[in-house]
Amino acid sequence: MIGNGVVVHLRGLLEELDQLSEAGVDYDGRLLLSDRAHIVFDFHQLIDGRLERTLARKGDQLGTTGKGIGPAYGSKAMRNGLRVGDLREMRYFEHRLRLLVAQLER
């Protein structure tokens, strides 16, 4: 179960599911993904890495995994993040994604 309080990198999840299939693990009907789970985007991972490098130069390194989890939770907390359920309506998804990226670029 990947619930509503979780952030998920969808491409990474699909890669893990492929690995399970290749290993002969049948996950059909055993995986539940909440439509309210927030999405980790590649740009969250870029932000995570840049923040860590900036902190390392100052000697305040966090030791993050660089997977974008912190920045994705930041988007969730700021209420500008996108959720799995937003993928149902691509025009809405695209609009919200553009707003999020524009805000992060500023």
N, C-alpha and C. Protein backbone atom coordinates (compact mmCIF):
# COMPACT_ATOMS: atom_id res chain seq x y z
N MET A 1 0.84 -1.17 0.00
CA MET A 1 0.00 0.00 0.00
C MET A 1 0.89 1.24 0.00
N ILE A 2 0.71 2.06 -0.99
CA ILE A 2 1.36 3.36 -1.05
C ILE A 2 0.25 4.37 -0.80
N GLY A 3 0.23 4.90 0.41
CA GLY A 3 -0.91 5.69 0.87
C GLY A 3 -0.83 7.16 0.56
N ASN A 4 -1.84 7.87 1.05
CA ASN A 4 -1.97 9.29 0.75
C ASN A 4 -0.93 10.17 1.42
N GLY A 5 -0.25 9.70 2.44
CA GLY A 5 0.77 10.51 3.10
C GLY A 5 2.15 10.31 2.52
N VAL A 6 2.25 9.55 1.46
CA VAL A 6 3.53 9.15 0.90
C VAL A 6 3.81 9.92 -0.38
N VAL A 7 5.11 10.13 -0.68
CA VAL A 7 5.50 10.67 -1.98
C VAL A 7 6.10 9.51 -2.78
N VAL A 8 5.86 9.51 -4.09
CA VAL A 8 6.30 8.39 -4.91
C VAL A 8 6.85 8.90 -6.24
N HIS A 9 8.01 8.37 -6.61
CA HIS A 9 8.62 8.66 -7.91
C HIS A 9 8.10 7.58 -8.85
N LEU A 10 7.19 7.94 -9.73
CA LEU A 10 6.47 6.95 -10.53
C LEU A 10 7.38 6.15 -11.45
N ARG A 11 8.33 6.82 -12.08
CA ARG A 11 9.25 6.09 -12.96
C ARG A 11 10.04 5.06 -12.16
N GLY A 12 10.51 5.47 -10.98
CA GLY A 12 11.24 4.54 -10.11
C GLY A 12 10.37 3.38 -9.68
N LEU A 13 9.10 3.66 -9.37
CA LEU A 13 8.17 2.59 -8.99
C LEU A 13 8.00 1.61 -10.14
N LEU A 14 7.82 2.12 -11.35
CA LEU A 14 7.65 1.23 -12.51
C LEU A 14 8.90 0.39 -12.75
N GLU A 15 10.08 0.98 -12.54
CA GLU A 15 11.32 0.22 -12.69
C GLU A 15 11.40 -0.89 -11.65
N GLU A 16 10.99 -0.60 -10.43
CA GLU A 16 10.99 -1.63 -9.38
C GLU A 16 10.00 -2.74 -9.71
N LEU A 17 8.84 -2.38 -10.26
CA LEU A 17 7.86 -3.40 -10.63
C LEU A 17 8.39 -4.28 -11.76
N ASP A 18 9.11 -3.68 -12.70
CA ASP A 18 9.75 -4.47 -13.76
C ASP A 18 10.75 -5.46 -13.18
N GLN A 19 11.52 -5.01 -12.20
CA GLN A 19 12.50 -5.90 -11.56
C GLN A 19 11.80 -7.05 -10.84
N LEU A 20 10.68 -6.75 -10.20
CA LEU A 20 9.92 -7.81 -9.54
C LEU A 20 9.41 -8.83 -10.55
N SER A 21 8.88 -8.33 -11.67
CA SER A 21 8.39 -9.23 -12.71
C SER A 21 9.51 -10.11 -13.25
N GLU A 22 10.67 -9.50 -13.50
CA GLU A 22 11.82 -10.26 -14.00
C GLU A 22 12.27 -11.33 -13.00
N ALA A 23 12.06 -11.05 -11.71
CA ALA A 23 12.44 -12.01 -10.66
C ALA A 23 11.34 -13.04 -10.42
N GLY A 24 10.25 -12.95 -11.19
CA GLY A 24 9.18 -13.92 -11.06
C GLY A 24 8.19 -13.62 -9.95
N VAL A 25 8.21 -12.41 -9.42
CA VAL A 25 7.28 -12.03 -8.35
C VAL A 25 6.00 -11.50 -8.98
N ASP A 26 4.88 -12.11 -8.61
CA ASP A 26 3.58 -11.68 -9.11
C ASP A 26 2.98 -10.69 -8.12
N TYR A 27 2.93 -9.43 -8.49
CA TYR A 27 2.40 -8.39 -7.61
C TYR A 27 0.99 -7.97 -8.04
N ASP A 28 0.45 -8.61 -9.08
CA ASP A 28 -0.86 -8.25 -9.59
C ASP A 28 -1.92 -8.36 -8.49
N GLY A 29 -2.61 -7.26 -8.26
CA GLY A 29 -3.65 -7.22 -7.24
C GLY A 29 -3.11 -7.06 -5.82
N ARG A 30 -1.81 -6.97 -5.67
CA ARG A 30 -1.19 -6.88 -4.34
C ARG A 30 -0.62 -5.49 -4.06
N LEU A 31 -0.66 -4.63 -5.05
CA LEU A 31 -0.12 -3.28 -4.91
C LEU A 31 -1.27 -2.29 -4.99
N LEU A 32 -1.37 -1.46 -3.99
CA LEU A 32 -2.39 -0.40 -3.98
C LEU A 32 -1.67 0.94 -3.93
N LEU A 33 -2.05 1.83 -4.83
CA LEU A 33 -1.46 3.16 -4.91
C LEU A 33 -2.57 4.19 -4.75
N SER A 34 -2.51 4.96 -3.69
CA SER A 34 -3.52 5.97 -3.43
C SER A 34 -3.47 7.07 -4.48
N ASP A 35 -4.63 7.52 -4.91
CA ASP A 35 -4.67 8.63 -5.85
C ASP A 35 -4.30 9.95 -5.18
N ARG A 36 -4.15 9.93 -3.86
CA ARG A 36 -3.78 11.12 -3.11
C ARG A 36 -2.29 11.15 -2.74
N ALA A 37 -1.54 10.13 -3.15
CA ALA A 37 -0.09 10.14 -2.95
C ALA A 37 0.53 11.21 -3.84
N HIS A 38 1.46 11.95 -3.30
CA HIS A 38 2.11 13.02 -4.06
C HIS A 38 3.24 12.45 -4.93
N ILE A 39 3.45 13.09 -6.06
CA ILE A 39 4.43 12.63 -7.04
C ILE A 39 5.78 13.32 -6.82
N VAL A 40 6.84 12.51 -6.81
CA VAL A 40 8.21 13.02 -6.82
C VAL A 40 8.63 13.13 -8.28
N PHE A 41 9.00 14.32 -8.69
CA PHE A 41 9.46 14.54 -10.06
C PHE A 41 10.98 14.56 -10.10
N ASP A 42 11.53 14.39 -11.30
CA ASP A 42 12.98 14.45 -11.45
C ASP A 42 13.53 15.79 -10.97
N PHE A 43 12.78 16.88 -11.15
CA PHE A 43 13.28 18.17 -10.70
C PHE A 43 13.35 18.24 -9.17
N HIS A 44 12.52 17.48 -8.47
CA HIS A 44 12.66 17.41 -7.01
C HIS A 44 14.02 16.80 -6.66
N GLN A 45 14.43 15.81 -7.44
CA GLN A 45 15.72 15.17 -7.20
C GLN A 45 16.86 16.13 -7.49
N LEU A 46 16.73 16.93 -8.55
CA LEU A 46 17.76 17.93 -8.87
C LEU A 46 17.88 18.96 -7.75
N ILE A 47 16.74 19.42 -7.26
CA ILE A 47 16.74 20.39 -6.16
C ILE A 47 17.40 19.78 -4.93
N ASP A 48 17.06 18.53 -4.64
CA ASP A 48 17.63 17.83 -3.49
C ASP A 48 19.16 17.79 -3.58
N GLY A 49 19.67 17.45 -4.75
CA GLY A 49 21.11 17.38 -4.95
C GLY A 49 21.78 18.73 -4.83
N ARG A 50 21.16 19.75 -5.41
CA ARG A 50 21.74 21.10 -5.34
C ARG A 50 21.76 21.63 -3.91
N LEU A 51 20.67 21.41 -3.19
CA LEU A 51 20.64 21.86 -1.80
C LEU A 51 21.72 21.17 -0.98
N GLU A 52 21.89 19.88 -1.22
CA GLU A 52 22.90 19.12 -0.48
C GLU A 52 24.31 19.63 -0.79
N ARG A 53 24.58 19.92 -2.06
CA ARG A 53 25.89 20.44 -2.44
C ARG A 53 26.13 21.82 -1.82
N THR A 54 25.11 22.66 -1.80
CA THR A 54 25.22 23.99 -1.18
C THR A 54 25.52 23.86 0.30
N LEU A 55 24.80 22.98 0.98
CA LEU A 55 25.02 22.78 2.41
C LEU A 55 26.40 22.18 2.68
N ALA A 56 26.86 21.31 1.79
CA ALA A 56 28.18 20.68 1.98
C ALA A 56 29.29 21.72 1.93
N ARG A 57 29.13 22.71 1.06
CA ARG A 57 30.14 23.78 0.98
C ARG A 57 30.19 24.59 2.27
N LYS A 58 29.09 24.63 2.97
CA LYS A 58 29.02 25.37 4.24
C LYS A 58 29.31 24.47 5.44
N GLY A 59 29.53 23.18 5.18
CA GLY A 59 29.80 22.24 6.26
C GLY A 59 28.56 21.78 7.00
N ASP A 60 27.39 22.00 6.41
CA ASP A 60 26.12 21.63 7.05
C ASP A 60 25.38 20.55 6.28
N GLN A 61 26.09 19.64 5.70
CA GLN A 61 25.50 18.60 4.87
C GLN A 61 24.47 17.79 5.65
N LEU A 62 23.34 17.49 4.99
CA LEU A 62 22.27 16.71 5.62
C LEU A 62 22.49 15.21 5.48
N GLY A 63 23.12 14.79 4.42
CA GLY A 63 23.28 13.36 4.16
C GLY A 63 22.07 12.78 3.46
N THR A 64 21.42 13.57 2.62
CA THR A 64 20.23 13.13 1.90
C THR A 64 20.57 12.04 0.89
N THR A 65 19.58 11.26 0.52
CA THR A 65 19.77 10.22 -0.50
C THR A 65 19.74 10.81 -1.90
N GLY A 66 19.27 12.05 -2.03
CA GLY A 66 19.19 12.68 -3.34
C GLY A 66 18.00 12.22 -4.16
N LYS A 67 17.06 11.54 -3.53
CA LYS A 67 15.91 11.00 -4.26
C LYS A 67 14.76 11.99 -4.38
N GLY A 68 14.92 13.20 -3.85
CA GLY A 68 13.91 14.23 -4.01
C GLY A 68 12.77 14.17 -3.01
N ILE A 69 12.92 13.35 -1.99
CA ILE A 69 11.84 13.15 -1.03
C ILE A 69 11.55 14.44 -0.25
N GLY A 70 12.59 15.09 0.26
CA GLY A 70 12.40 16.32 1.02
C GLY A 70 11.73 17.41 0.20
N PRO A 71 12.25 17.73 -1.00
CA PRO A 71 11.59 18.74 -1.81
C PRO A 71 10.16 18.37 -2.21
N ALA A 72 9.89 17.09 -2.43
CA ALA A 72 8.53 16.67 -2.77
C ALA A 72 7.59 16.88 -1.60
N TYR A 73 8.07 16.56 -0.38
CA TYR A 73 7.25 16.83 0.80
C TYR A 73 7.08 18.34 1.00
N GLY A 74 8.09 19.12 0.60
CA GLY A 74 7.97 20.57 0.64
C GLY A 74 6.85 21.05 -0.27
N SER A 75 6.77 20.48 -1.47
CA SER A 75 5.68 20.82 -2.39
C SER A 75 4.34 20.40 -1.81
N LYS A 76 4.33 19.26 -1.17
CA LYS A 76 3.09 18.79 -0.53
C LYS A 76 2.66 19.77 0.55
N ALA A 77 3.60 20.18 1.39
CA ALA A 77 3.28 21.09 2.48
C ALA A 77 2.84 22.46 1.98
N MET A 78 3.43 22.88 0.87
CA MET A 78 3.08 24.18 0.30
C MET A 78 1.79 24.11 -0.53
N ARG A 79 1.27 22.92 -0.67
CA ARG A 79 0.01 22.66 -1.40
C ARG A 79 0.09 23.01 -2.88
N ASN A 80 1.29 22.90 -3.43
CA ASN A 80 1.43 23.11 -4.87
C ASN A 80 1.91 21.83 -5.56
N GLY A 81 2.03 20.76 -4.80
CA GLY A 81 2.45 19.48 -5.36
C GLY A 81 1.34 18.82 -6.14
N LEU A 82 1.72 17.85 -6.94
CA LEU A 82 0.75 17.11 -7.74
C LEU A 82 0.59 15.70 -7.18
N ARG A 83 -0.60 15.18 -7.31
CA ARG A 83 -0.92 13.86 -6.78
C ARG A 83 -1.16 12.88 -7.92
N VAL A 84 -1.08 11.62 -7.60
CA VAL A 84 -1.31 10.57 -8.59
C VAL A 84 -2.68 10.76 -9.24
N GLY A 85 -3.69 11.10 -8.47
CA GLY A 85 -5.04 11.29 -9.01
C GLY A 85 -5.14 12.43 -10.01
N ASP A 86 -4.21 13.38 -9.95
CA ASP A 86 -4.22 14.49 -10.91
C ASP A 86 -3.94 14.01 -12.33
N LEU A 87 -3.39 12.82 -12.46
CA LEU A 87 -3.09 12.27 -13.78
C LEU A 87 -4.36 11.91 -14.56
N ARG A 88 -5.48 11.86 -13.87
CA ARG A 88 -6.75 11.51 -14.53
C ARG A 88 -7.17 12.57 -15.54
N GLU A 89 -6.81 13.82 -15.27
CA GLU A 89 -7.20 14.93 -16.14
C GLU A 89 -5.92 15.64 -16.60
N MET A 90 -5.45 15.28 -17.79
CA MET A 90 -4.15 15.75 -18.27
C MET A 90 -4.08 17.27 -18.42
N ARG A 91 -5.15 17.90 -18.83
CA ARG A 91 -5.10 19.38 -18.97
C ARG A 91 -4.90 20.03 -17.61
N TYR A 92 -5.59 19.54 -16.60
CA TYR A 92 -5.42 20.05 -15.23
C TYR A 92 -4.01 19.75 -14.73
N PHE A 93 -3.55 18.51 -14.98
CA PHE A 93 -2.22 18.09 -14.55
C PHE A 93 -1.15 18.99 -15.17
N GLU A 94 -1.25 19.20 -16.47
CA GLU A 94 -0.26 20.03 -17.16
C GLU A 94 -0.27 21.46 -16.61
N HIS A 95 -1.45 22.01 -16.41
CA HIS A 95 -1.56 23.36 -15.87
C HIS A 95 -0.89 23.46 -14.50
N ARG A 96 -1.20 22.53 -13.61
CA ARG A 96 -0.63 22.54 -12.26
C ARG A 96 0.88 22.31 -12.30
N LEU A 97 1.33 21.43 -13.20
CA LEU A 97 2.76 21.16 -13.33
C LEU A 97 3.51 22.41 -13.78
N ARG A 98 2.95 23.11 -14.75
CA ARG A 98 3.58 24.34 -15.22
C ARG A 98 3.66 25.39 -14.10
N LEU A 99 2.60 25.50 -13.31
CA LEU A 99 2.60 26.43 -12.19
C LEU A 99 3.68 26.05 -11.17
N LEU A 100 3.79 24.76 -10.87
CA LEU A 100 4.80 24.29 -9.91
C LEU A 100 6.20 24.57 -10.40
N VAL A 101 6.47 24.25 -11.65
CA VAL A 101 7.80 24.48 -12.21
C VAL A 101 8.14 25.97 -12.22
N ALA A 102 7.17 26.81 -12.61
CA ALA A 102 7.41 28.26 -12.64
C ALA A 102 7.73 28.77 -11.24
N GLN A 103 7.00 28.26 -10.24
CA GLN A 103 7.26 28.70 -8.88
C GLN A 103 8.64 28.26 -8.42
N LEU A 104 9.02 27.05 -8.73
CA LEU A 104 10.34 26.54 -8.33
C LEU A 104 11.47 27.26 -9.05
N GLU A 105 11.24 27.65 -10.30
CA GLU A 105 12.27 28.38 -11.04
C GLU A 105 12.52 29.76 -10.43
N ARG A 106 11.49 30.36 -9.85
CA ARG A 106 11.67 31.67 -9.21
C ARG A 106 12.50 31.52 -7.98
